[in-house]
Amino acid sequence: MKDPAVTAFFLVAYPEFTPLHESKRAADDLARVGINIQGVLLNHVLQPEDYNGEFARARYAMQQFYLHKAASMYNVPLFAMPLLASEVIGIDQVDALRNVLMKKTAIV
């Protein structure tokens, strides 16, 4: 598990206060035992075209704040995973999500 040639660790967190701080604590705990993370997937990120009401605009603004906060917390690539209409289930959906992610560059 400590050999980066064999294993890659990516944390997954929501761009919100508690999930970011808990994932940072997990990254620090892993580092103490010699396991370094290679990146952080920030999940369920709203896009500007996703909102059409006051609540969604407020959530988007909050997420933008915590996406920038995450950039100052981690020294690894961060990836914004879009909020999807349904849960990712099965290899076809995982492959489609991989294609979306691979077309994007890290947000940091």
PDB file of N, CA and C in Angstrom:
ATOM      1  N   MET A   1       0.812  -1.201   0.000  1.00  0.00           N
ATOM      2  CA  MET A   1       0.000   0.000   0.000  1.00  0.00           C
ATOM      3  C   MET A   1       0.855   1.266   0.000  1.00  0.00           C
ATOM      4  N   LYS A   2       2.110   1.148   0.363  1.00  0.00           N
ATOM      5  CA  LYS A   2       2.975   2.327   0.430  1.00  0.00           C
ATOM      6  C   LYS A   2       3.762   2.553  -0.855  1.00  0.00           C
ATOM      7  N   ASP A   3       3.681   1.624  -1.783  1.00  0.00           N
ATOM      8  CA  ASP A   3       4.455   1.721  -3.026  1.00  0.00           C
ATOM      9  C   ASP A   3       3.637   2.464  -4.083  1.00  0.00           C
ATOM     10  N   PRO A   4       4.004   3.712  -4.418  1.00  0.00           N
ATOM     11  CA  PRO A   4       3.233   4.481  -5.389  1.00  0.00           C
ATOM     12  C   PRO A   4       3.294   3.906  -6.806  1.00  0.00           C
ATOM     13  N   ALA A   5       4.199   2.978  -7.063  1.00  0.00           N
ATOM     14  CA  ALA A   5       4.242   2.333  -8.371  1.00  0.00           C
ATOM     15  C   ALA A   5       3.117   1.301  -8.514  1.00  0.00           C
ATOM     16  N   VAL A   6       2.533   0.902  -7.378  1.00  0.00           N
ATOM     17  CA  VAL A   6       1.503  -0.124  -7.382  1.00  0.00           C
ATOM     18  C   VAL A   6       0.141   0.429  -6.951  1.00  0.00           C
ATOM     19  N   THR A   7       0.159   1.390  -6.058  1.00  0.00           N
ATOM     20  CA  THR A   7      -1.078   1.894  -5.457  1.00  0.00           C
ATOM     21  C   THR A   7      -1.133   3.412  -5.530  1.00  0.00           C
ATOM     22  N   ALA A   8      -2.301   3.925  -5.880  1.00  0.00           N
ATOM     23  CA  ALA A   8      -2.525   5.372  -5.851  1.00  0.00           C
ATOM     24  C   ALA A   8      -3.701   5.650  -4.919  1.00  0.00           C
ATOM     25  N   PHE A   9      -3.525   6.618  -4.041  1.00  0.00           N
ATOM     26  CA  PHE A   9      -4.581   7.013  -3.116  1.00  0.00           C
ATOM     27  C   PHE A   9      -5.114   8.376  -3.516  1.00  0.00           C
ATOM     28  N   PHE A  10      -6.413   8.431  -3.718  1.00  0.00           N
ATOM     29  CA  PHE A  10      -7.112   9.691  -3.962  1.00  0.00           C
ATOM     30  C   PHE A  10      -8.201   9.801  -2.905  1.00  0.00           C
ATOM     31  N   LEU A  11      -8.291  10.940  -2.294  1.00  0.00           N
ATOM     32  CA  LEU A  11      -9.383  11.179  -1.349  1.00  0.00           C
ATOM     33  C   LEU A  11     -10.570  11.748  -2.107  1.00  0.00           C
ATOM     34  N   VAL A  12     -11.760  11.541  -1.577  1.00  0.00           N
ATOM     35  CA  VAL A  12     -12.980  12.105  -2.144  1.00  0.00           C
ATOM     36  C   VAL A  12     -13.644  12.919  -1.051  1.00  0.00           C
ATOM     37  N   ALA A  13     -14.007  14.164  -1.380  1.00  0.00           N
ATOM     38  CA  ALA A  13     -14.666  15.029  -0.400  1.00  0.00           C
ATOM     39  C   ALA A  13     -15.629  15.961  -1.111  1.00  0.00           C
ATOM     40  N   TYR A  14     -16.593  16.423  -0.390  1.00  0.00           N
ATOM     41  CA  TYR A  14     -17.477  17.475  -0.902  1.00  0.00           C
ATOM     42  C   TYR A  14     -16.805  18.821  -0.638  1.00  0.00           C
ATOM     43  N   PRO A  15     -17.014  19.798  -1.498  1.00  0.00           N
ATOM     44  CA  PRO A  15     -16.430  21.117  -1.254  1.00  0.00           C
ATOM     45  C   PRO A  15     -17.244  21.887  -0.202  1.00  0.00           C
ATOM     46  N   GLU A  16     -17.127  21.421   1.029  1.00  0.00           N
ATOM     47  CA  GLU A  16     -17.797  22.014   2.184  1.00  0.00           C
ATOM     48  C   GLU A  16     -16.821  21.957   3.357  1.00  0.00           C
ATOM     49  N   PHE A  17     -17.084  22.720   4.402  1.00  0.00           N
ATOM     50  CA  PHE A  17     -16.168  22.861   5.525  1.00  0.00           C
ATOM     51  C   PHE A  17     -15.779  21.517   6.149  1.00  0.00           C
ATOM     52  N   THR A  18     -16.743  20.798   6.701  1.00  0.00           N
ATOM     53  CA  THR A  18     -16.431  19.580   7.449  1.00  0.00           C
ATOM     54  C   THR A  18     -15.802  18.501   6.579  1.00  0.00           C
ATOM     55  N   PRO A  19     -16.357  18.167   5.412  1.00  0.00           N
ATOM     56  CA  PRO A  19     -15.705  17.137   4.598  1.00  0.00           C
ATOM     57  C   PRO A  19     -14.269  17.489   4.208  1.00  0.00           C
ATOM     58  N   LEU A  20     -13.996  18.755   3.913  1.00  0.00           N
ATOM     59  CA  LEU A  20     -12.627  19.139   3.556  1.00  0.00           C
ATOM     60  C   LEU A  20     -11.676  18.944   4.725  1.00  0.00           C
ATOM     61  N   HIS A  21     -12.090  19.375   5.901  1.00  0.00           N
ATOM     62  CA  HIS A  21     -11.207  19.252   7.060  1.00  0.00           C
ATOM     63  C   HIS A  21     -11.031  17.793   7.490  1.00  0.00           C
ATOM     64  N   GLU A  22     -12.075  16.996   7.379  1.00  0.00           N
ATOM     65  CA  GLU A  22     -11.952  15.576   7.716  1.00  0.00           C
ATOM     66  C   GLU A  22     -11.046  14.866   6.710  1.00  0.00           C
ATOM     67  N   SER A  23     -11.159  15.205   5.432  1.00  0.00           N
ATOM     68  CA  SER A  23     -10.295  14.560   4.441  1.00  0.00           C
ATOM     69  C   SER A  23      -8.845  15.002   4.612  1.00  0.00           C
ATOM     70  N   LYS A  24      -8.626  16.236   5.002  1.00  0.00           N
ATOM     71  CA  LYS A  24      -7.262  16.708   5.260  1.00  0.00           C
ATOM     72  C   LYS A  24      -6.665  15.958   6.446  1.00  0.00           C
ATOM     73  N   ARG A  25      -7.481  15.749   7.465  1.00  0.00           N
ATOM     74  CA  ARG A  25      -7.014  14.976   8.621  1.00  0.00           C
ATOM     75  C   ARG A  25      -6.676  13.545   8.213  1.00  0.00           C
ATOM     76  N   ALA A  26      -7.484  12.955   7.341  1.00  0.00           N
ATOM     77  CA  ALA A  26      -7.199  11.607   6.852  1.00  0.00           C
ATOM     78  C   ALA A  26      -5.900  11.590   6.053  1.00  0.00           C
ATOM     79  N   ALA A  27      -5.689  12.601   5.208  1.00  0.00           N
ATOM     80  CA  ALA A  27      -4.448  12.684   4.421  1.00  0.00           C
ATOM     81  C   ALA A  27      -3.238  12.787   5.345  1.00  0.00           C
ATOM     82  N   ASP A  28      -3.349  13.595   6.385  1.00  0.00           N
ATOM     83  CA  ASP A  28      -2.246  13.733   7.344  1.00  0.00           C
ATOM     84  C   ASP A  28      -1.985  12.424   8.082  1.00  0.00           C
ATOM     85  N   ASP A  29      -3.059  11.725   8.479  1.00  0.00           N
ATOM     86  CA  ASP A  29      -2.907  10.434   9.160  1.00  0.00           C
ATOM     87  C   ASP A  29      -2.241   9.415   8.239  1.00  0.00           C
ATOM     88  N   LEU A  30      -2.660   9.375   6.973  1.00  0.00           N
ATOM     89  CA  LEU A  30      -2.044   8.461   6.017  1.00  0.00           C
ATOM     90  C   LEU A  30      -0.565   8.790   5.816  1.00  0.00           C
ATOM     91  N   ALA A  31      -0.251  10.072   5.721  1.00  0.00           N
ATOM     92  CA  ALA A  31       1.144  10.490   5.521  1.00  0.00           C
ATOM     93  C   ALA A  31       2.021  10.053   6.694  1.00  0.00           C
ATOM     94  N   ARG A  32       1.465  10.099   7.906  1.00  0.00           N
ATOM     95  CA  ARG A  32       2.237   9.691   9.086  1.00  0.00           C
ATOM     96  C   ARG A  32       2.643   8.224   9.044  1.00  0.00           C
ATOM     97  N   VAL A  33       1.874   7.406   8.314  1.00  0.00           N
ATOM     98  CA  VAL A  33       2.220   5.981   8.207  1.00  0.00           C
ATOM     99  C   VAL A  33       2.858   5.667   6.852  1.00  0.00           C
ATOM    100  N   GLY A  34       3.260   6.707   6.134  1.00  0.00           N
ATOM    101  CA  GLY A  34       4.003   6.513   4.895  1.00  0.00           C
ATOM    102  C   GLY A  34       3.170   6.346   3.645  1.00  0.00           C
ATOM    103  N   ILE A  35       1.892   6.704   3.699  1.00  0.00           N
ATOM    104  CA  ILE A  35       1.020   6.618   2.522  1.00  0.00           C
ATOM    105  C   ILE A  35       0.635   8.030   2.117  1.00  0.00           C
ATOM    106  N   ASN A  36       1.114   8.441   0.959  1.00  0.00           N
ATOM    107  CA  ASN A  36       0.814   9.787   0.475  1.00  0.00           C
ATOM    108  C   ASN A  36      -0.289   9.743  -0.572  1.00  0.00           C
ATOM    109  N   ILE A  37      -1.197  10.686  -0.479  1.00  0.00           N
ATOM    110  CA  ILE A  37      -2.280  10.741  -1.463  1.00  0.00           C
ATOM    111  C   ILE A  37      -1.761  11.405  -2.739  1.00  0.00           C
ATOM    112  N   GLN A  38      -2.339  11.012  -3.860  1.00  0.00           N
ATOM    113  CA  GLN A  38      -1.935  11.574  -5.143  1.00  0.00           C
ATOM    114  C   GLN A  38      -2.885  12.650  -5.643  1.00  0.00           C
ATOM    115  N   GLY A  39      -4.038  12.800  -5.011  1.00  0.00           N
ATOM    116  CA  GLY A  39      -4.982  13.822  -5.442  1.00  0.00           C
ATOM    117  C   GLY A  39      -6.244  13.779  -4.610  1.00  0.00           C
ATOM    118  N   VAL A  40      -7.084  14.772  -4.844  1.00  0.00           N
ATOM    119  CA  VAL A  40      -8.369  14.864  -4.152  1.00  0.00           C
ATOM    120  C   VAL A  40      -9.451  15.098  -5.196  1.00  0.00           C
ATOM    121  N   LEU A  41     -10.481  14.256  -5.142  1.00  0.00           N
ATOM    122  CA  LEU A  41     -11.649  14.427  -5.998  1.00  0.00           C
ATOM    123  C   LEU A  41     -12.694  15.179  -5.191  1.00  0.00           C
ATOM    124  N   LEU A  42     -13.038  16.360  -5.640  1.00  0.00           N
ATOM    125  CA  LEU A  42     -14.069  17.157  -4.973  1.00  0.00           C
ATOM    126  C   LEU A  42     -15.375  16.866  -5.686  1.00  0.00           C
ATOM    127  N   ASN A  43     -16.267  16.211  -4.977  1.00  0.00           N
ATOM    128  CA  ASN A  43     -17.439  15.588  -5.572  1.00  0.00           C
ATOM    129  C   ASN A  43     -18.685  16.465  -5.503  1.00  0.00           C
ATOM    130  N   HIS A  44     -19.582  16.251  -6.475  1.00  0.00           N
ATOM    131  CA  HIS A  44     -20.894  16.917  -6.540  1.00  0.00           C
ATOM    132  C   HIS A  44     -20.773  18.424  -6.725  1.00  0.00           C
ATOM    133  N   VAL A  45     -19.849  18.839  -7.565  1.00  0.00           N
ATOM    134  CA  VAL A  45     -19.619  20.263  -7.791  1.00  0.00           C
ATOM    135  C   VAL A  45     -20.620  20.794  -8.806  1.00  0.00           C
ATOM    136  N   LEU A  46     -21.339  21.834  -8.407  1.00  0.00           N
ATOM    137  CA  LEU A  46     -22.293  22.491  -9.302  1.00  0.00           C
ATOM    138  C   LEU A  46     -21.554  23.300 -10.365  1.00  0.00           C
ATOM    139  N   GLN A  47     -22.140  23.366 -11.539  1.00  0.00           N
ATOM    140  CA  GLN A  47     -21.641  24.208 -12.614  1.00  0.00           C
ATOM    141  C   GLN A  47     -22.570  25.408 -12.737  1.00  0.00           C
ATOM    142  N   PRO A  48     -22.105  26.526 -13.274  1.00  0.00           N
ATOM    143  CA  PRO A  48     -22.976  27.712 -13.376  1.00  0.00           C
ATOM    144  C   PRO A  48     -24.297  27.420 -14.082  1.00  0.00           C
ATOM    145  N   GLU A  49     -24.283  26.549 -15.062  1.00  0.00           N
ATOM    146  CA  GLU A  49     -25.519  26.243 -15.794  1.00  0.00           C
ATOM    147  C   GLU A  49     -26.466  25.336 -15.005  1.00  0.00           C
ATOM    148  N   ASP A  50     -26.016  24.815 -13.854  1.00  0.00           N
ATOM    149  CA  ASP A  50     -26.836  23.906 -13.058  1.00  0.00           C
ATOM    150  C   ASP A  50     -27.851  24.617 -12.169  1.00  0.00           C
ATOM    151  N   TYR A  51     -27.689  25.886 -11.953  1.00  0.00           N
ATOM    152  CA  TYR A  51     -28.592  26.526 -11.004  1.00  0.00           C
ATOM    153  C   TYR A  51     -29.531  27.502 -11.699  1.00  0.00           C
ATOM    154  N   ASN A  52     -30.717  27.573 -11.126  1.00  0.00           N
ATOM    155  CA  ASN A  52     -31.713  28.506 -11.647  1.00  0.00           C
ATOM    156  C   ASN A  52     -32.545  29.120 -10.534  1.00  0.00           C
ATOM    157  N   GLY A  53     -32.073  29.014  -9.339  1.00  0.00           N
ATOM    158  CA  GLY A  53     -32.797  29.588  -8.218  1.00  0.00           C
ATOM    159  C   GLY A  53     -31.843  30.090  -7.151  1.00  0.00           C
ATOM    160  N   GLU A  54     -32.396  30.762  -6.160  1.00  0.00           N
ATOM    161  CA  GLU A  54     -31.580  31.362  -5.104  1.00  0.00           C
ATOM    162  C   GLU A  54     -30.794  30.322  -4.308  1.00  0.00           C
ATOM    163  N   PHE A  55     -31.442  29.207  -3.984  1.00  0.00           N
ATOM    164  CA  PHE A  55     -30.769  28.164  -3.211  1.00  0.00           C
ATOM    165  C   PHE A  55     -29.559  27.620  -3.977  1.00  0.00           C
ATOM    166  N   ALA A  56     -29.752  27.282  -5.238  1.00  0.00           N
ATOM    167  CA  ALA A  56     -28.656  26.723  -6.030  1.00  0.00           C
ATOM    168  C   ALA A  56     -27.540  27.746  -6.231  1.00  0.00           C
ATOM    169  N   ARG A  57     -27.878  29.008  -6.412  1.00  0.00           N
ATOM    170  CA  ARG A  57     -26.846  30.049  -6.541  1.00  0.00           C
ATOM    171  C   ARG A  57     -26.022  30.148  -5.267  1.00  0.00           C
ATOM    172  N   ALA A  58     -26.703  30.063  -4.124  1.00  0.00           N
ATOM    173  CA  ALA A  58     -25.993  30.128  -2.842  1.00  0.00           C
ATOM    174  C   ALA A  58     -25.078  28.913  -2.667  1.00  0.00           C
ATOM    175  N   ARG A  59     -25.555  27.722  -3.052  1.00  0.00           N
ATOM    176  CA  ARG A  59     -24.728  26.512  -2.965  1.00  0.00           C
ATOM    177  C   ARG A  59     -23.518  26.613  -3.887  1.00  0.00           C
ATOM    178  N   TYR A  60     -23.734  27.144  -5.087  1.00  0.00           N
ATOM    179  CA  TYR A  60     -22.634  27.312  -6.042  1.00  0.00           C
ATOM    180  C   TYR A  60     -21.579  28.251  -5.450  1.00  0.00           C
ATOM    181  N   ALA A  61     -22.002  29.361  -4.887  1.00  0.00           N
ATOM    182  CA  ALA A  61     -21.065  30.326  -4.297  1.00  0.00           C
ATOM    183  C   ALA A  61     -20.297  29.692  -3.141  1.00  0.00           C
ATOM    184  N   MET A  62     -20.996  28.925  -2.304  1.00  0.00           N
ATOM    185  CA  MET A  62     -20.336  28.255  -1.188  1.00  0.00           C
ATOM    186  C   MET A  62     -19.303  27.262  -1.708  1.00  0.00           C
ATOM    187  N   GLN A  63     -19.685  26.477  -2.712  1.00  0.00           N
ATOM    188  CA  GLN A  63     -18.748  25.508  -3.263  1.00  0.00           C
ATOM    189  C   GLN A  63     -17.521  26.190  -3.858  1.00  0.00           C
ATOM    190  N   GLN A  64     -17.714  27.305  -4.529  1.00  0.00           N
ATOM    191  CA  GLN A  64     -16.579  28.016  -5.104  1.00  0.00           C
ATOM    192  C   GLN A  64     -15.606  28.460  -4.012  1.00  0.00           C
ATOM    193  N   PHE A  65     -16.142  28.937  -2.899  1.00  0.00           N
ATOM    194  CA  PHE A  65     -15.300  29.325  -1.770  1.00  0.00           C
ATOM    195  C   PHE A  65     -14.465  28.134  -1.302  1.00  0.00           C
ATOM    196  N   TYR A  66     -15.116  26.965  -1.118  1.00  0.00           N
ATOM    197  CA  TYR A  66     -14.398  25.803  -0.591  1.00  0.00           C
ATOM    198  C   TYR A  66     -13.499  25.141  -1.629  1.00  0.00           C
ATOM    199  N   LEU A  67     -13.779  25.298  -2.907  1.00  0.00           N
ATOM    200  CA  LEU A  67     -12.839  24.827  -3.923  1.00  0.00           C
ATOM    201  C   LEU A  67     -11.533  25.607  -3.814  1.00  0.00           C
ATOM    202  N   HIS A  68     -11.630  26.908  -3.606  1.00  0.00           N
ATOM    203  CA  HIS A  68     -10.427  27.732  -3.431  1.00  0.00           C
ATOM    204  C   HIS A  68      -9.739  27.412  -2.098  1.00  0.00           C
ATOM    205  N   LYS A  69     -10.519  27.155  -1.072  1.00  0.00           N
ATOM    206  CA  LYS A  69      -9.964  26.773   0.226  1.00  0.00           C
ATOM    207  C   LYS A  69      -9.191  25.461   0.105  1.00  0.00           C
ATOM    208  N   ALA A  70      -9.746  24.514  -0.630  1.00  0.00           N
ATOM    209  CA  ALA A  70      -9.074  23.225  -0.818  1.00  0.00           C
ATOM    210  C   ALA A  70      -7.715  23.415  -1.480  1.00  0.00           C
ATOM    211  N   ALA A  71      -7.629  24.364  -2.392  1.00  0.00           N
ATOM    212  CA  ALA A  71      -6.362  24.621  -3.088  1.00  0.00           C
ATOM    213  C   ALA A  71      -5.269  25.042  -2.115  1.00  0.00           C
ATOM    214  N   SER A  72      -5.655  25.721  -1.044  1.00  0.00           N
ATOM    215  CA  SER A  72      -4.654  26.142  -0.062  1.00  0.00           C
ATOM    216  C   SER A  72      -4.361  25.051   0.976  1.00  0.00           C
ATOM    217  N   MET A  73      -5.195  24.025   1.047  1.00  0.00           N
ATOM    218  CA  MET A  73      -5.033  22.969   2.042  1.00  0.00           C
ATOM    219  C   MET A  73      -4.174  21.806   1.550  1.00  0.00           C
ATOM    220  N   TYR A  74      -4.189  21.571   0.253  1.00  0.00           N
ATOM    221  CA  TYR A  74      -3.535  20.390  -0.305  1.00  0.00           C
ATOM    222  C   TYR A  74      -2.414  20.771  -1.246  1.00  0.00           C
ATOM    223  N   ASN A  75      -1.385  19.943  -1.297  1.00  0.00           N
ATOM    224  CA  ASN A  75      -0.283  20.113  -2.247  1.00  0.00           C
ATOM    225  C   ASN A  75      -0.305  19.004  -3.287  1.00  0.00           C
ATOM    226  N   VAL A  76      -1.495  18.593  -3.668  1.00  0.00           N
ATOM    227  CA  VAL A  76      -1.690  17.559  -4.686  1.00  0.00           C
ATOM    228  C   VAL A  76      -2.747  18.069  -5.660  1.00  0.00           C
ATOM    229  N   PRO A  77      -2.857  17.450  -6.835  1.00  0.00           N
ATOM    230  CA  PRO A  77      -3.903  17.885  -7.767  1.00  0.00           C
ATOM    231  C   PRO A  77      -5.305  17.712  -7.185  1.00  0.00           C
ATOM    232  N   LEU A  78      -6.159  18.667  -7.474  1.00  0.00           N
ATOM    233  CA  LEU A  78      -7.566  18.625  -7.084  1.00  0.00           C
ATOM    234  C   LEU A  78      -8.405  18.525  -8.349  1.00  0.00           C
ATOM    235  N   PHE A  79      -9.429  17.694  -8.306  1.00  0.00           N
ATOM    236  CA  PHE A  79     -10.306  17.513  -9.451  1.00  0.00           C
ATOM    237  C   PHE A  79     -11.745  17.755  -9.036  1.00  0.00           C
ATOM    238  N   ALA A  80     -12.435  18.595  -9.783  1.00  0.00           N
ATOM    239  CA  ALA A  80     -13.846  18.888  -9.508  1.00  0.00           C
ATOM    240  C   ALA A  80     -14.709  17.896 -10.268  1.00  0.00           C
ATOM    241  N   MET A  81     -15.390  17.039  -9.533  1.00  0.00           N
ATOM    242  CA  MET A  81     -16.284  16.055 -10.129  1.00  0.00           C
ATOM    243  C   MET A  81     -17.679  16.667 -10.193  1.00  0.00           C
ATOM    244  N   PRO A  82     -18.315  16.660 -11.347  1.00  0.00           N
ATOM    245  CA  PRO A  82     -19.614  17.326 -11.470  1.00  0.00           C
ATOM    246  C   PRO A  82     -20.714  16.615 -10.692  1.00  0.00           C
ATOM    247  N   LEU A  83     -21.688  17.396 -10.266  1.00  0.00           N
ATOM    248  CA  LEU A  83     -22.903  16.829  -9.681  1.00  0.00           C
ATOM    249  C   LEU A  83     -23.684  16.188 -10.818  1.00  0.00           C
ATOM    250  N   LEU A  84     -24.025  14.923 -10.667  1.00  0.00           N
ATOM    251  CA  LEU A  84     -24.734  14.188 -11.706  1.00  0.00           C
ATOM    252  C   LEU A  84     -26.184  13.965 -11.298  1.00  0.00           C
ATOM    253  N   ALA A  85     -27.020  13.723 -12.275  1.00  0.00           N
ATOM    254  CA  ALA A  85     -28.445  13.526 -12.017  1.00  0.00           C
ATOM    255  C   ALA A  85     -28.732  12.210 -11.312  1.00  0.00           C
ATOM    256  N   SER A  86     -27.821  11.244 -11.440  1.00  0.00           N
ATOM    257  CA  SER A  86     -28.032   9.950 -10.796  1.00  0.00           C
ATOM    258  C   SER A  86     -26.701   9.405 -10.299  1.00  0.00           C
ATOM    259  N   GLU A  87     -26.805   8.370  -9.497  1.00  0.00           N
ATOM    260  CA  GLU A  87     -25.637   7.712  -8.940  1.00  0.00           C
ATOM    261  C   GLU A  87     -24.860   7.002 -10.057  1.00  0.00           C
ATOM    262  N   VAL A  88     -23.547   6.971  -9.939  1.00  0.00           N
ATOM    263  CA  VAL A  88     -22.707   6.282 -10.919  1.00  0.00           C
ATOM    264  C   VAL A  88     -22.694   4.795 -10.564  1.00  0.00           C
ATOM    265  N   ILE A  89     -23.306   3.987 -11.439  1.00  0.00           N
ATOM    266  CA  ILE A  89     -23.400   2.545 -11.196  1.00  0.00           C
ATOM    267  C   ILE A  89     -23.032   1.822 -12.493  1.00  0.00           C
ATOM    268  N   GLY A  90     -22.118   0.899 -12.388  1.00  0.00           N
ATOM    269  CA  GLY A  90     -21.754   0.080 -13.537  1.00  0.00           C
ATOM    270  C   GLY A  90     -20.569   0.638 -14.304  1.00  0.00           C
ATOM    271  N   ILE A  91     -19.937  -0.250 -15.039  1.00  0.00           N
ATOM    272  CA  ILE A  91     -18.708   0.097 -15.741  1.00  0.00           C
ATOM    273  C   ILE A  91     -18.936   1.163 -16.812  1.00  0.00           C
ATOM    274  N   ASP A  92     -20.078   1.138 -17.494  1.00  0.00           N
ATOM    275  CA  ASP A  92     -20.333   2.132 -18.538  1.00  0.00           C
ATOM    276  C   ASP A  92     -20.395   3.538 -17.953  1.00  0.00           C
ATOM    277  N   GLN A  93     -21.061   3.694 -16.810  1.00  0.00           N
ATOM    278  CA  GLN A  93     -21.146   5.013 -16.182  1.00  0.00           C
ATOM    279  C   GLN A  93     -19.811   5.428 -15.592  1.00  0.00           C
ATOM    280  N   VAL A  94     -19.072   4.493 -15.034  1.00  0.00           N
ATOM    281  CA  VAL A  94     -17.735   4.809 -14.522  1.00  0.00           C
ATOM    282  C   VAL A  94     -16.848   5.255 -15.678  1.00  0.00           C
ATOM    283  N   ASP A  95     -16.938   4.570 -16.797  1.00  0.00           N
ATOM    284  CA  ASP A  95     -16.146   4.928 -17.966  1.00  0.00           C
ATOM    285  C   ASP A  95     -16.524   6.312 -18.491  1.00  0.00           C
ATOM    286  N   ALA A  96     -17.824   6.615 -18.516  1.00  0.00           N
ATOM    287  CA  ALA A  96     -18.267   7.941 -18.962  1.00  0.00           C
ATOM    288  C   ALA A  96     -17.746   9.030 -18.022  1.00  0.00           C
ATOM    289  N   LEU A  97     -17.782   8.787 -16.722  1.00  0.00           N
ATOM    290  CA  LEU A  97     -17.257   9.750 -15.756  1.00  0.00           C
ATOM    291  C   LEU A  97     -15.744   9.899 -15.913  1.00  0.00           C
ATOM    292  N   ARG A  98     -15.056   8.814 -16.153  1.00  0.00           N
ATOM    293  CA  ARG A  98     -13.615   8.867 -16.393  1.00  0.00           C
ATOM    294  C   ARG A  98     -13.317   9.753 -17.599  1.00  0.00           C
ATOM    295  N   ASN A  99     -14.111   9.607 -18.645  1.00  0.00           N
ATOM    296  CA  ASN A  99     -13.903  10.432 -19.837  1.00  0.00           C
ATOM    297  C   ASN A  99     -14.105  11.916 -19.536  1.00  0.00           C
ATOM    298  N   VAL A 100     -15.108  12.237 -18.732  1.00  0.00           N
ATOM    299  CA  VAL A 100     -15.333  13.632 -18.339  1.00  0.00           C
ATOM    300  C   VAL A 100     -14.144  14.137 -17.537  1.00  0.00           C
ATOM    301  N   LEU A 101     -13.698  13.351 -16.583  1.00  0.00           N
ATOM    302  CA  LEU A 101     -12.587  13.755 -15.726  1.00  0.00           C
ATOM    303  C   LEU A 101     -11.295  13.905 -16.517  1.00  0.00           C
ATOM    304  N   MET A 102     -11.033  12.995 -17.420  1.00  0.00           N
ATOM    305  CA  MET A 102      -9.784  13.038 -18.171  1.00  0.00           C
ATOM    306  C   MET A 102      -9.731  14.224 -19.147  1.00  0.00           C
ATOM    307  N   LYS A 103     -10.885  14.734 -19.550  1.00  0.00           N
ATOM    308  CA  LYS A 103     -10.914  15.904 -20.438  1.00  0.00           C
ATOM    309  C   LYS A 103     -10.623  17.188 -19.684  1.00  0.00           C
ATOM    310  N   LYS A 104     -10.824  17.147 -18.369  1.00  0.00           N
ATOM    311  CA  LYS A 104     -10.583  18.313 -17.535  1.00  0.00           C
ATOM    312  C   LYS A 104      -9.160  18.257 -16.998  1.00  0.00           C
ATOM    313  N   THR A 105      -8.656  19.397 -16.665  1.00  0.00           N
ATOM    314  CA  THR A 105      -7.374  19.420 -15.980  1.00  0.00           C
ATOM    315  C   THR A 105      -7.653  19.633 -14.501  1.00  0.00           C
ATOM    316  N   ALA A 106      -6.660  19.379 -13.713  1.00  0.00           N
ATOM    317  CA  ALA A 106      -6.808  19.609 -12.275  1.00  0.00           C
ATOM    318  C   ALA A 106      -7.152  21.073 -12.041  1.00  0.00           C
ATOM    319  N   ILE A 107      -7.930  21.341 -10.994  1.00  0.00           N
ATOM    320  CA  ILE A 107      -8.318  22.722 -10.703  1.00  0.00           C
ATOM    321  C   ILE A 107      -7.204  23.465  -9.991  1.00  0.00           C
ATOM    322  N   VAL A 108      -6.154  22.761  -9.635  1.00  0.00           N
ATOM    323  CA  VAL A 108      -4.995  23.416  -9.018  1.00  0.00           C
ATOM    324  C   VAL A 108      -3.770  23.046  -9.806  1.00  0.00           C
TER     325      VAL A 108
END
